[in-house]
């Protein structure tokens, strides 16, 4: 059975004092990304989780 392609969920870290606008961020992504890569959700986080070697820990942001 083939699995359906799901849009990603994305964590973002805001620069000091930056404002977050969901419509503006979605529009930015639509201009630059293929439809299947546009995040379905954005989560503001304090920092992006990393592995001990410094790579992004992708499993930390996954949700079912």
C-alpha atoms as a PDB file:
ATOM      1  CA  UNK A   1       0.000   0.000   0.000  1.00  0.00           C
ATOM      2  CA  UNK A   2       1.464   3.360  -1.033  1.00  0.00           C
ATOM      3  CA  UNK A   3       1.697   6.065   1.587  1.00  0.00           C
ATOM      4  CA  UNK A   4       0.266   9.509   0.891  1.00  0.00           C
ATOM      5  CA  UNK A   5       2.651  12.410   0.582  1.00  0.00           C
ATOM      6  CA  UNK A   6       2.136  14.762   3.516  1.00  0.00           C
ATOM      7  CA  UNK A   7       3.154  18.375   3.800  1.00  0.00           C
ATOM      8  CA  UNK A   8       5.883  19.003   6.353  1.00  0.00           C
ATOM      9  CA  UNK A   9       5.469  20.622   9.744  1.00  0.00           C
ATOM     10  CA  UNK A  10       8.095  23.295  10.289  1.00  0.00           C
ATOM     11  CA  UNK A  11       9.702  24.776  13.384  1.00  0.00           C
ATOM     12  CA  UNK A  12      10.939  28.341  13.072  1.00  0.00           C
ATOM     13  CA  UNK A  13      13.209  30.377  15.320  1.00  0.00           C
ATOM     14  CA  UNK A  14      12.447  34.089  15.339  1.00  0.00           C
ATOM     15  CA  UNK A  15      15.317  36.556  15.308  1.00  0.00           C
ATOM     16  CA  UNK A  16      15.310  38.943  18.255  1.00  0.00           C
ATOM     17  CA  UNK A  17      12.176  41.084  18.136  1.00  0.00           C
ATOM     18  CA  UNK A  18      10.931  39.635  14.830  1.00  0.00           C
ATOM     19  CA  UNK A  19       7.197  39.338  14.248  1.00  0.00           C
ATOM     20  CA  UNK A  20       5.528  36.175  12.956  1.00  0.00           C
ATOM     21  CA  UNK A  21       2.811  36.395  10.316  1.00  0.00           C
ATOM     22  CA  UNK A  22       1.379  33.050   9.182  1.00  0.00           C
ATOM     23  CA  UNK A  23      -0.106  34.471   5.921  1.00  0.00           C
ATOM     24  CA  UNK A  24       3.139  36.250   5.016  1.00  0.00           C
ATOM     25  CA  UNK A  25       5.264  33.188   5.741  1.00  0.00           C
ATOM     26  CA  UNK A  26       2.921  30.923   3.766  1.00  0.00           C
ATOM     27  CA  UNK A  27       2.978  33.344   0.815  1.00  0.00           C
ATOM     28  CA  UNK A  28       6.801  33.450   0.991  1.00  0.00           C
ATOM     29  CA  UNK A  29       6.932  29.637   0.837  1.00  0.00           C
ATOM     30  CA  UNK A  30       4.408  29.436  -2.031  1.00  0.00           C
ATOM     31  CA  UNK A  31       6.573  31.777  -4.121  1.00  0.00           C
ATOM     32  CA  UNK A  32       9.711  29.692  -3.613  1.00  0.00           C
ATOM     33  CA  UNK A  33       8.763  26.059  -2.978  1.00  0.00           C
ATOM     34  CA  UNK A  34       6.945  23.296  -4.843  1.00  0.00           C
ATOM     35  CA  UNK A  35       3.446  22.685  -3.442  1.00  0.00           C
ATOM     36  CA  UNK A  36       4.413  19.441  -1.659  1.00  0.00           C
ATOM     37  CA  UNK A  37       7.171  21.220   0.302  1.00  0.00           C
ATOM     38  CA  UNK A  38       4.995  24.031   1.668  1.00  0.00           C
ATOM     39  CA  UNK A  39       4.595  23.427   5.419  1.00  0.00           C
ATOM     40  CA  UNK A  40       1.081  22.702   6.641  1.00  0.00           C
ATOM     41  CA  UNK A  41       1.963  24.077  10.081  1.00  0.00           C
ATOM     42  CA  UNK A  42       4.546  26.447  11.528  1.00  0.00           C
ATOM     43  CA  UNK A  43       5.664  26.173  15.143  1.00  0.00           C
ATOM     44  CA  UNK A  44       7.694  28.924  16.791  1.00  0.00           C
ATOM     45  CA  UNK A  45      10.447  27.283  18.843  1.00  0.00           C
ATOM     46  CA  UNK A  46      13.266  28.622  21.008  1.00  0.00           C
ATOM     47  CA  UNK A  47      15.871  26.632  19.069  1.00  0.00           C
ATOM     48  CA  UNK A  48      16.125  23.881  16.478  1.00  0.00           C
ATOM     49  CA  UNK A  49      17.031  20.495  17.982  1.00  0.00           C
ATOM     50  CA  UNK A  50      20.412  19.154  16.862  1.00  0.00           C
ATOM     51  CA  UNK A  51      22.256  15.874  17.155  1.00  0.00           C
ATOM     52  CA  UNK A  52      25.536  15.542  19.042  1.00  0.00           C
ATOM     53  CA  UNK A  53      27.387  16.144  15.751  1.00  0.00           C
ATOM     54  CA  UNK A  54      25.479  19.401  15.128  1.00  0.00           C
ATOM     55  CA  UNK A  55      23.121  18.207  12.388  1.00  0.00           C
ATOM     56  CA  UNK A  56      19.409  19.013  12.525  1.00  0.00           C
ATOM     57  CA  UNK A  57      17.456  16.377  14.416  1.00  0.00           C
ATOM     58  CA  UNK A  58      14.543  15.842  12.036  1.00  0.00           C
ATOM     59  CA  UNK A  59      12.719  13.372  14.270  1.00  0.00           C
ATOM     60  CA  UNK A  60      12.332  16.019  17.001  1.00  0.00           C
ATOM     61  CA  UNK A  61       9.720  17.924  14.994  1.00  0.00           C
ATOM     62  CA  UNK A  62       7.719  15.066  13.550  1.00  0.00           C
ATOM     63  CA  UNK A  63       4.065  14.733  14.428  1.00  0.00           C
ATOM     64  CA  UNK A  64       1.510  12.206  13.281  1.00  0.00           C
END
